[in-house]
């Protein structure tokens, strides 16, 4: 019989713009302890050209996603259905990426639209990373209230986990600025120092933010830009909202939650 595991989670969020007109940025996230569900979303910034704050769409989407699992046991959660339910209830203008993942027993199930996602680290090494969904460079799949097929695009996946594993769920503000080995190094250092999930998330967000502002290093974003022939971006990171949720996987003996919500 599979071992019963649980997630102890914490989060950190660094918005790209901390002043009006978008002081809350365009990312949103949640962690529901009872249902053992994490959600992250990244509002699509190009809506700003139409005077729309896509962060409002992302925040409403994540509020609706959490609402849909409030009375759910972990085994009853279907991540793709959570995305569909949230999408159907979200009325704000805009569009967003979304990644929902849940833990039941020893298995993480996830559904993802776009370039937010998650990775699983075991004994210092990444054993799984969700694939990004993009039409082309810097153009992710997205949930858009004008297009009914949005949730149908969600890619579903599952991965078995063990006690001691670390899950890092994030928006592209992390993944565009840190290679997997960078994430592994930060998580490994934090674990050696015995810090809680919230502090691991904070450290990852701060490292990603620092790299996003540098122009003298290679990052996943600069590598992808060069591969796509977009020479105008050059070296360096991508300045963006950065959301990180870190979950420690442990035996289900009761848990304490270290987190804040951006919704």
C-alpha atoms as a PDB file:
ATOM      1  CA  UNK A   1       0.000   0.000   0.000  1.00  0.00           C
ATOM      2  CA  UNK A   2       1.440   3.448  -0.927  1.00  0.00           C
ATOM      3  CA  UNK A   3       2.783   5.497   1.954  1.00  0.00           C
ATOM      4  CA  UNK A   4       0.552   8.380   3.028  1.00  0.00           C
ATOM      5  CA  UNK A   5       2.477  11.618   2.588  1.00  0.00           C
ATOM      6  CA  UNK A   6       1.681  15.280   3.080  1.00  0.00           C
ATOM      7  CA  UNK A   7       3.028  18.631   1.949  1.00  0.00           C
ATOM      8  CA  UNK A   8       4.248  21.345   4.303  1.00  0.00           C
ATOM      9  CA  UNK A   9       4.412  24.476   2.139  1.00  0.00           C
ATOM     10  CA  UNK A  10       5.584  28.065   2.176  1.00  0.00           C
ATOM     11  CA  UNK A  11       5.729  30.782  -0.448  1.00  0.00           C
ATOM     12  CA  UNK A  12       7.380  33.995  -1.560  1.00  0.00           C
ATOM     13  CA  UNK A  13       6.377  36.593  -4.124  1.00  0.00           C
ATOM     14  CA  UNK A  14       8.386  39.466  -5.600  1.00  0.00           C
ATOM     15  CA  UNK A  15       6.273  41.586  -7.990  1.00  0.00           C
ATOM     16  CA  UNK A  16       8.029  43.244 -10.908  1.00  0.00           C
ATOM     17  CA  UNK A  17       6.193  46.520 -10.266  1.00  0.00           C
ATOM     18  CA  UNK A  18       5.512  47.472  -6.650  1.00  0.00           C
ATOM     19  CA  UNK A  19       3.897  50.835  -7.294  1.00  0.00           C
ATOM     20  CA  UNK A  20       0.708  51.966  -9.089  1.00  0.00           C
ATOM     21  CA  UNK A  21      -0.842  51.045 -11.458  1.00  0.00           C
ATOM     22  CA  UNK A  22      -0.068  47.400 -10.614  1.00  0.00           C
ATOM     23  CA  UNK A  23       1.301  47.226  -7.050  1.00  0.00           C
ATOM     24  CA  UNK A  24       0.256  43.580  -6.717  1.00  0.00           C
ATOM     25  CA  UNK A  25       1.978  42.506  -9.930  1.00  0.00           C
ATOM     26  CA  UNK A  26       0.482  39.934 -12.267  1.00  0.00           C
ATOM     27  CA  UNK A  27       1.180  36.638 -10.456  1.00  0.00           C
ATOM     28  CA  UNK A  28      -1.059  34.794  -7.995  1.00  0.00           C
ATOM     29  CA  UNK A  29      -0.828  31.603  -5.977  1.00  0.00           C
ATOM     30  CA  UNK A  30      -2.335  29.555  -3.151  1.00  0.00           C
ATOM     31  CA  UNK A  31      -1.738  26.485  -1.022  1.00  0.00           C
ATOM     32  CA  UNK A  32      -4.642  24.630   0.560  1.00  0.00           C
ATOM     33  CA  UNK A  33      -3.409  22.379   3.342  1.00  0.00           C
ATOM     34  CA  UNK A  34      -6.544  20.284   3.780  1.00  0.00           C
ATOM     35  CA  UNK A  35      -6.833  19.416   0.092  1.00  0.00           C
ATOM     36  CA  UNK A  36      -3.036  19.346  -0.346  1.00  0.00           C
ATOM     37  CA  UNK A  37      -3.206  21.542  -3.447  1.00  0.00           C
ATOM     38  CA  UNK A  38      -0.820  24.187  -4.791  1.00  0.00           C
ATOM     39  CA  UNK A  39      -1.720  26.633  -7.535  1.00  0.00           C
ATOM     40  CA  UNK A  40       0.371  29.250  -9.334  1.00  0.00           C
ATOM     41  CA  UNK A  41      -0.673  31.620 -12.123  1.00  0.00           C
ATOM     42  CA  UNK A  42       0.953  34.371 -14.171  1.00  0.00           C
ATOM     43  CA  UNK A  43      -1.236  37.029 -15.775  1.00  0.00           C
ATOM     44  CA  UNK A  44      -0.151  37.802 -19.342  1.00  0.00           C
ATOM     45  CA  UNK A  45       1.490  41.217 -19.322  1.00  0.00           C
ATOM     46  CA  UNK A  46       0.706  42.150 -22.924  1.00  0.00           C
ATOM     47  CA  UNK A  47      -2.837  43.018 -21.781  1.00  0.00           C
ATOM     48  CA  UNK A  48      -1.372  46.237 -20.359  1.00  0.00           C
ATOM     49  CA  UNK A  49      -1.305  47.648 -23.903  1.00  0.00           C
ATOM     50  CA  UNK A  50      -5.116  47.508 -23.785  1.00  0.00           C
ATOM     51  CA  UNK A  51      -5.276  49.087 -20.346  1.00  0.00           C
ATOM     52  CA  UNK A  52      -6.043  45.775 -18.639  1.00  0.00           C
ATOM     53  CA  UNK A  53      -4.327  44.547 -15.470  1.00  0.00           C
ATOM     54  CA  UNK A  54      -3.989  40.809 -16.135  1.00  0.00           C
ATOM     55  CA  UNK A  55      -2.987  40.368 -12.505  1.00  0.00           C
ATOM     56  CA  UNK A  56      -6.655  40.751 -11.610  1.00  0.00           C
ATOM     57  CA  UNK A  57      -7.480  37.827 -13.882  1.00  0.00           C
ATOM     58  CA  UNK A  58      -4.730  35.664 -12.338  1.00  0.00           C
ATOM     59  CA  UNK A  59      -5.809  36.502  -8.782  1.00  0.00           C
ATOM     60  CA  UNK A  60      -9.471  35.762  -9.490  1.00  0.00           C
ATOM     61  CA  UNK A  61      -8.470  32.524 -11.231  1.00  0.00           C
ATOM     62  CA  UNK A  62      -6.510  31.328  -8.186  1.00  0.00           C
ATOM     63  CA  UNK A  63      -9.252  32.395  -5.758  1.00  0.00           C
ATOM     64  CA  UNK A  64     -11.696  30.317  -7.774  1.00  0.00           C
ATOM     65  CA  UNK A  65      -9.273  27.405  -7.953  1.00  0.00           C
ATOM     66  CA  UNK A  66      -8.871  27.337  -4.188  1.00  0.00           C
ATOM     67  CA  UNK A  67     -12.620  27.711  -3.698  1.00  0.00           C
ATOM     68  CA  UNK A  68     -13.189  24.613  -5.839  1.00  0.00           C
ATOM     69  CA  UNK A  69     -11.072  22.428  -3.491  1.00  0.00           C
ATOM     70  CA  UNK A  70     -12.158  23.857  -0.123  1.00  0.00           C
ATOM     71  CA  UNK A  71     -14.194  20.797   0.839  1.00  0.00           C
ATOM     72  CA  UNK A  72     -12.122  18.236  -1.021  1.00  0.00           C
ATOM     73  CA  UNK A  73     -10.074  15.375   0.369  1.00  0.00           C
ATOM     74  CA  UNK A  74      -6.684  15.027  -1.363  1.00  0.00           C
ATOM     75  CA  UNK A  75      -7.685  11.828  -3.159  1.00  0.00           C
ATOM     76  CA  UNK A  76     -10.723  13.573  -4.675  1.00  0.00           C
ATOM     77  CA  UNK A  77      -8.791  16.395  -6.347  1.00  0.00           C
ATOM     78  CA  UNK A  78      -8.428  16.323 -10.128  1.00  0.00           C
ATOM     79  CA  UNK A  79      -6.085  19.201 -11.106  1.00  0.00           C
ATOM     80  CA  UNK A  80      -7.424  19.586 -14.643  1.00  0.00           C
ATOM     81  CA  UNK A  81     -10.978  19.797 -13.315  1.00  0.00           C
ATOM     82  CA  UNK A  82      -9.827  22.436 -10.824  1.00  0.00           C
ATOM     83  CA  UNK A  83      -8.479  24.520 -13.703  1.00  0.00           C
ATOM     84  CA  UNK A  84     -11.707  24.078 -15.648  1.00  0.00           C
ATOM     85  CA  UNK A  85     -13.876  25.059 -12.673  1.00  0.00           C
ATOM     86  CA  UNK A  86     -11.759  28.118 -11.913  1.00  0.00           C
ATOM     87  CA  UNK A  87     -11.735  29.158 -15.555  1.00  0.00           C
ATOM     88  CA  UNK A  88     -15.518  28.923 -15.840  1.00  0.00           C
ATOM     89  CA  UNK A  89     -16.008  31.198 -12.805  1.00  0.00           C
ATOM     90  CA  UNK A  90     -13.393  33.825 -13.654  1.00  0.00           C
ATOM     91  CA  UNK A  91     -14.921  36.933 -15.213  1.00  0.00           C
ATOM     92  CA  UNK A  92     -12.115  39.511 -15.054  1.00  0.00           C
ATOM     93  CA  UNK A  93     -10.579  40.704 -18.316  1.00  0.00           C
ATOM     94  CA  UNK A  94      -7.210  39.242 -19.190  1.00  0.00           C
ATOM     95  CA  UNK A  95      -5.544  35.868 -19.479  1.00  0.00           C
ATOM     96  CA  UNK A  96      -3.084  33.790 -17.487  1.00  0.00           C
ATOM     97  CA  UNK A  97      -0.946  30.697 -17.319  1.00  0.00           C
ATOM     98  CA  UNK A  98      -1.843  28.226 -14.575  1.00  0.00           C
ATOM     99  CA  UNK A  99      -0.368  25.195 -12.853  1.00  0.00           C
ATOM    100  CA  UNK A 100      -2.312  23.170 -10.285  1.00  0.00           C
ATOM    101  CA  UNK A 101      -0.759  20.238  -8.446  1.00  0.00           C
ATOM    102  CA  UNK A 102      -2.099  17.986  -5.717  1.00  0.00           C
ATOM    103  CA  UNK A 103      -0.666  15.294  -3.471  1.00  0.00           C
ATOM    104  CA  UNK A 104      -2.621  12.153  -2.576  1.00  0.00           C
ATOM    105  CA  UNK A 105      -0.879   9.151  -1.069  1.00  0.00           C
ATOM    106  CA  UNK A 106       2.597   9.132  -2.598  1.00  0.00           C
ATOM    107  CA  UNK A 107       1.648  10.642  -5.957  1.00  0.00           C
ATOM    108  CA  UNK A 108       1.603  14.199  -7.218  1.00  0.00           C
ATOM    109  CA  UNK A 109      -0.898  14.861  -9.984  1.00  0.00           C
ATOM    110  CA  UNK A 110      -0.716  18.089 -11.932  1.00  0.00           C
ATOM    111  CA  UNK A 111      -2.251  19.999 -14.797  1.00  0.00           C
ATOM    112  CA  UNK A 112      -0.473  22.866 -16.492  1.00  0.00           C
ATOM    113  CA  UNK A 113      -1.292  25.538 -19.064  1.00  0.00           C
ATOM    114  CA  UNK A 114       1.659  27.646 -20.163  1.00  0.00           C
ATOM    115  CA  UNK A 115       5.111  28.194 -18.715  1.00  0.00           C
ATOM    116  CA  UNK A 116       4.455  28.140 -14.992  1.00  0.00           C
ATOM    117  CA  UNK A 117       5.244  24.731 -13.540  1.00  0.00           C
ATOM    118  CA  UNK A 118       7.009  22.687 -10.899  1.00  0.00           C
ATOM    119  CA  UNK A 119      10.004  20.501 -10.233  1.00  0.00           C
ATOM    120  CA  UNK A 120      10.716  17.743  -7.730  1.00  0.00           C
ATOM    121  CA  UNK A 121      14.113  17.523  -6.019  1.00  0.00           C
ATOM    122  CA  UNK A 122      15.278  14.338  -4.297  1.00  0.00           C
ATOM    123  CA  UNK A 123      18.524  14.153  -2.342  1.00  0.00           C
ATOM    124  CA  UNK A 124      19.843  17.264  -4.061  1.00  0.00           C
ATOM    125  CA  UNK A 125      18.968  16.372  -7.651  1.00  0.00           C
ATOM    126  CA  UNK A 126      15.978  17.176  -9.833  1.00  0.00           C
ATOM    127  CA  UNK A 127      14.039  14.022 -10.675  1.00  0.00           C
ATOM    128  CA  UNK A 128      11.138  15.674 -12.483  1.00  0.00           C
ATOM    129  CA  UNK A 129      10.269  18.973 -14.122  1.00  0.00           C
ATOM    130  CA  UNK A 130       6.959  19.787 -15.767  1.00  0.00           C
ATOM    131  CA  UNK A 131       7.336  20.735 -19.430  1.00  0.00           C
ATOM    132  CA  UNK A 132       6.462  24.278 -20.467  1.00  0.00           C
ATOM    133  CA  UNK A 133       3.734  24.824 -23.045  1.00  0.00           C
ATOM    134  CA  UNK A 134       4.693  27.570 -25.494  1.00  0.00           C
ATOM    135  CA  UNK A 135       3.594  28.491 -29.011  1.00  0.00           C
ATOM    136  CA  UNK A 136       7.002  30.034 -29.628  1.00  0.00           C
ATOM    137  CA  UNK A 137       9.683  31.859 -27.659  1.00  0.00           C
ATOM    138  CA  UNK A 138       8.157  34.014 -24.904  1.00  0.00           C
ATOM    139  CA  UNK A 139       4.597  33.122 -25.998  1.00  0.00           C
ATOM    140  CA  UNK A 140       3.072  30.627 -23.539  1.00  0.00           C
ATOM    141  CA  UNK A 141      -0.238  28.845 -23.761  1.00  0.00           C
ATOM    142  CA  UNK A 142      -2.763  30.700 -21.628  1.00  0.00           C
ATOM    143  CA  UNK A 143      -6.252  30.629 -20.195  1.00  0.00           C
ATOM    144  CA  UNK A 144      -8.259  33.371 -21.862  1.00  0.00           C
ATOM    145  CA  UNK A 145     -11.907  33.990 -21.008  1.00  0.00           C
ATOM    146  CA  UNK A 146     -12.624  34.800 -24.651  1.00  0.00           C
ATOM    147  CA  UNK A 147     -11.581  31.276 -25.730  1.00  0.00           C
ATOM    148  CA  UNK A 148     -13.634  28.378 -24.391  1.00  0.00           C
ATOM    149  CA  UNK A 149     -11.049  25.704 -25.133  1.00  0.00           C
ATOM    150  CA  UNK A 150      -8.577  27.110 -22.599  1.00  0.00           C
ATOM    151  CA  UNK A 151      -8.706  24.353 -19.936  1.00  0.00           C
ATOM    152  CA  UNK A 152      -8.690  21.683 -22.621  1.00  0.00           C
ATOM    153  CA  UNK A 153      -5.109  22.659 -23.426  1.00  0.00           C
ATOM    154  CA  UNK A 154      -3.945  21.654 -19.952  1.00  0.00           C
ATOM    155  CA  UNK A 155      -1.249  18.983 -19.966  1.00  0.00           C
ATOM    156  CA  UNK A 156      -1.721  16.376 -17.246  1.00  0.00           C
ATOM    157  CA  UNK A 157       1.121  14.572 -15.517  1.00  0.00           C
ATOM    158  CA  UNK A 158       1.887  12.501 -12.431  1.00  0.00           C
ATOM    159  CA  UNK A 159       5.025  11.687 -10.442  1.00  0.00           C
ATOM    160  CA  UNK A 160       5.627   9.471  -7.436  1.00  0.00           C
ATOM    161  CA  UNK A 161       7.278  11.187  -4.492  1.00  0.00           C
ATOM    162  CA  UNK A 162       8.970  10.110  -1.269  1.00  0.00           C
ATOM    163  CA  UNK A 163       9.332  11.537   2.197  1.00  0.00           C
ATOM    164  CA  UNK A 164      12.191  14.043   2.058  1.00  0.00           C
ATOM    165  CA  UNK A 165      11.455  15.233  -1.483  1.00  0.00           C
ATOM    166  CA  UNK A 166      11.130  18.960  -2.148  1.00  0.00           C
ATOM    167  CA  UNK A 167       8.596  20.385  -4.597  1.00  0.00           C
ATOM    168  CA  UNK A 168       9.255  23.798  -6.138  1.00  0.00           C
ATOM    169  CA  UNK A 169       6.246  25.288  -7.933  1.00  0.00           C
ATOM    170  CA  UNK A 170       6.753  28.639  -9.618  1.00  0.00           C
ATOM    171  CA  UNK A 171       5.920  31.062 -12.374  1.00  0.00           C
ATOM    172  CA  UNK A 172       8.344  31.717 -15.199  1.00  0.00           C
ATOM    173  CA  UNK A 173       9.955  34.503 -13.168  1.00  0.00           C
ATOM    174  CA  UNK A 174      11.888  31.702 -11.477  1.00  0.00           C
ATOM    175  CA  UNK A 175      12.364  29.320 -14.391  1.00  0.00           C
ATOM    176  CA  UNK A 176      13.484  32.042 -16.837  1.00  0.00           C
ATOM    177  CA  UNK A 177      16.219  33.171 -14.473  1.00  0.00           C
ATOM    178  CA  UNK A 178      17.510  30.021 -12.783  1.00  0.00           C
ATOM    179  CA  UNK A 179      18.781  26.826 -14.357  1.00  0.00           C
ATOM    180  CA  UNK A 180      17.761  23.570 -12.613  1.00  0.00           C
ATOM    181  CA  UNK A 181      21.239  23.276 -11.098  1.00  0.00           C
ATOM    182  CA  UNK A 182      20.834  26.760  -9.609  1.00  0.00           C
ATOM    183  CA  UNK A 183      17.580  25.708  -7.946  1.00  0.00           C
ATOM    184  CA  UNK A 184      19.171  22.474  -6.719  1.00  0.00           C
ATOM    185  CA  UNK A 185      22.056  24.398  -5.161  1.00  0.00           C
ATOM    186  CA  UNK A 186      19.829  26.848  -3.289  1.00  0.00           C
ATOM    187  CA  UNK A 187      17.490  24.112  -2.043  1.00  0.00           C
ATOM    188  CA  UNK A 188      20.452  21.974  -0.950  1.00  0.00           C
ATOM    189  CA  UNK A 189      22.052  24.837   0.956  1.00  0.00           C
ATOM    190  CA  UNK A 190      18.788  25.743   2.665  1.00  0.00           C
ATOM    191  CA  UNK A 191      18.122  22.142   3.680  1.00  0.00           C
ATOM    192  CA  UNK A 192      21.611  21.883   5.171  1.00  0.00           C
ATOM    193  CA  UNK A 193      20.790  24.956   7.265  1.00  0.00           C
ATOM    194  CA  UNK A 194      17.493  23.455   8.441  1.00  0.00           C
ATOM    195  CA  UNK A 195      15.267  26.303   7.291  1.00  0.00           C
ATOM    196  CA  UNK A 196      11.505  26.073   6.802  1.00  0.00           C
ATOM    197  CA  UNK A 197       9.787  25.983   3.386  1.00  0.00           C
ATOM    198  CA  UNK A 198       8.844  29.673   3.463  1.00  0.00           C
ATOM    199  CA  UNK A 199      12.497  30.656   3.803  1.00  0.00           C
ATOM    200  CA  UNK A 200      13.565  28.315   1.001  1.00  0.00           C
ATOM    201  CA  UNK A 201      10.945  29.943  -1.237  1.00  0.00           C
ATOM    202  CA  UNK A 202      12.158  33.388  -0.211  1.00  0.00           C
ATOM    203  CA  UNK A 203      15.780  32.541  -0.972  1.00  0.00           C
ATOM    204  CA  UNK A 204      14.884  31.131  -4.397  1.00  0.00           C
ATOM    205  CA  UNK A 205      12.809  34.222  -5.230  1.00  0.00           C
ATOM    206  CA  UNK A 206      15.590  36.569  -4.157  1.00  0.00           C
ATOM    207  CA  UNK A 207      18.241  34.719  -6.165  1.00  0.00           C
ATOM    208  CA  UNK A 208      15.965  34.713  -9.226  1.00  0.00           C
ATOM    209  CA  UNK A 209      15.308  38.441  -8.770  1.00  0.00           C
ATOM    210  CA  UNK A 210      19.018  39.189  -8.536  1.00  0.00           C
ATOM    211  CA  UNK A 211      19.734  37.213 -11.699  1.00  0.00           C
ATOM    212  CA  UNK A 212      16.825  38.884 -13.525  1.00  0.00           C
ATOM    213  CA  UNK A 213      18.548  42.267 -13.186  1.00  0.00           C
ATOM    214  CA  UNK A 214      21.986  41.169 -14.366  1.00  0.00           C
ATOM    215  CA  UNK A 215      23.167  41.551 -17.949  1.00  0.00           C
ATOM    216  CA  UNK A 216      26.516  39.766 -17.643  1.00  0.00           C
ATOM    217  CA  UNK A 217      25.313  36.165 -17.198  1.00  0.00           C
ATOM    218  CA  UNK A 218      23.586  33.446 -19.159  1.00  0.00           C
ATOM    219  CA  UNK A 219      20.111  32.468 -17.974  1.00  0.00           C
ATOM    220  CA  UNK A 220      17.478  30.077 -19.310  1.00  0.00           C
ATOM    221  CA  UNK A 221      15.774  33.136 -20.835  1.00  0.00           C
ATOM    222  CA  UNK A 222      18.889  34.355 -22.657  1.00  0.00           C
ATOM    223  CA  UNK A 223      19.676  30.840 -23.897  1.00  0.00           C
ATOM    224  CA  UNK A 224      16.116  30.429 -25.240  1.00  0.00           C
ATOM    225  CA  UNK A 225      16.222  33.878 -26.836  1.00  0.00           C
ATOM    226  CA  UNK A 226      19.469  33.088 -28.636  1.00  0.00           C
ATOM    227  CA  UNK A 227      18.101  29.741 -29.822  1.00  0.00           C
ATOM    228  CA  UNK A 228      15.017  31.521 -31.192  1.00  0.00           C
ATOM    229  CA  UNK A 229      17.174  34.090 -32.987  1.00  0.00           C
ATOM    230  CA  UNK A 230      15.923  36.974 -30.822  1.00  0.00           C
ATOM    231  CA  UNK A 231      19.263  38.765 -30.590  1.00  0.00           C
ATOM    232  CA  UNK A 232      17.711  41.927 -29.171  1.00  0.00           C
ATOM    233  CA  UNK A 233      17.527  40.327 -25.722  1.00  0.00           C
ATOM    234  CA  UNK A 234      21.237  39.521 -25.446  1.00  0.00           C
ATOM    235  CA  UNK A 235      22.671  38.117 -22.231  1.00  0.00           C
ATOM    236  CA  UNK A 236      21.104  38.327 -18.801  1.00  0.00           C
ATOM    237  CA  UNK A 237      17.845  37.574 -17.091  1.00  0.00           C
ATOM    238  CA  UNK A 238      14.229  38.532 -17.588  1.00  0.00           C
ATOM    239  CA  UNK A 239      12.745  41.117 -15.235  1.00  0.00           C
ATOM    240  CA  UNK A 240       9.389  39.692 -14.229  1.00  0.00           C
ATOM    241  CA  UNK A 241       7.070  38.887 -11.334  1.00  0.00           C
ATOM    242  CA  UNK A 242       8.521  35.981  -9.364  1.00  0.00           C
ATOM    243  CA  UNK A 243       6.336  33.521  -7.448  1.00  0.00           C
ATOM    244  CA  UNK A 244       7.792  30.500  -5.659  1.00  0.00           C
ATOM    245  CA  UNK A 245       5.972  27.904  -3.559  1.00  0.00           C
ATOM    246  CA  UNK A 246       8.153  25.319  -1.834  1.00  0.00           C
ATOM    247  CA  UNK A 247       6.697  22.163  -0.296  1.00  0.00           C
ATOM    248  CA  UNK A 248       8.483  19.607   1.847  1.00  0.00           C
ATOM    249  CA  UNK A 249       7.127  16.076   1.427  1.00  0.00           C
ATOM    250  CA  UNK A 250       6.836  14.230   4.723  1.00  0.00           C
ATOM    251  CA  UNK A 251       4.970  11.330   6.266  1.00  0.00           C
ATOM    252  CA  UNK A 252       1.365  12.239   7.020  1.00  0.00           C
ATOM    253  CA  UNK A 253       1.649  12.647  10.779  1.00  0.00           C
ATOM    254  CA  UNK A 254       0.003  16.069  10.916  1.00  0.00           C
ATOM    255  CA  UNK A 255       1.546  19.178   9.446  1.00  0.00           C
ATOM    256  CA  UNK A 256       2.024  22.846   9.967  1.00  0.00           C
ATOM    257  CA  UNK A 257       1.643  25.352   7.178  1.00  0.00           C
ATOM    258  CA  UNK A 258       4.099  28.162   6.520  1.00  0.00           C
ATOM    259  CA  UNK A 259       2.670  30.305   3.745  1.00  0.00           C
ATOM    260  CA  UNK A 260       1.020  33.458   2.581  1.00  0.00           C
ATOM    261  CA  UNK A 261      -1.377  33.977  -0.269  1.00  0.00           C
ATOM    262  CA  UNK A 262      -1.088  36.535  -3.037  1.00  0.00           C
ATOM    263  CA  UNK A 263      -4.782  36.355  -3.869  1.00  0.00           C
END
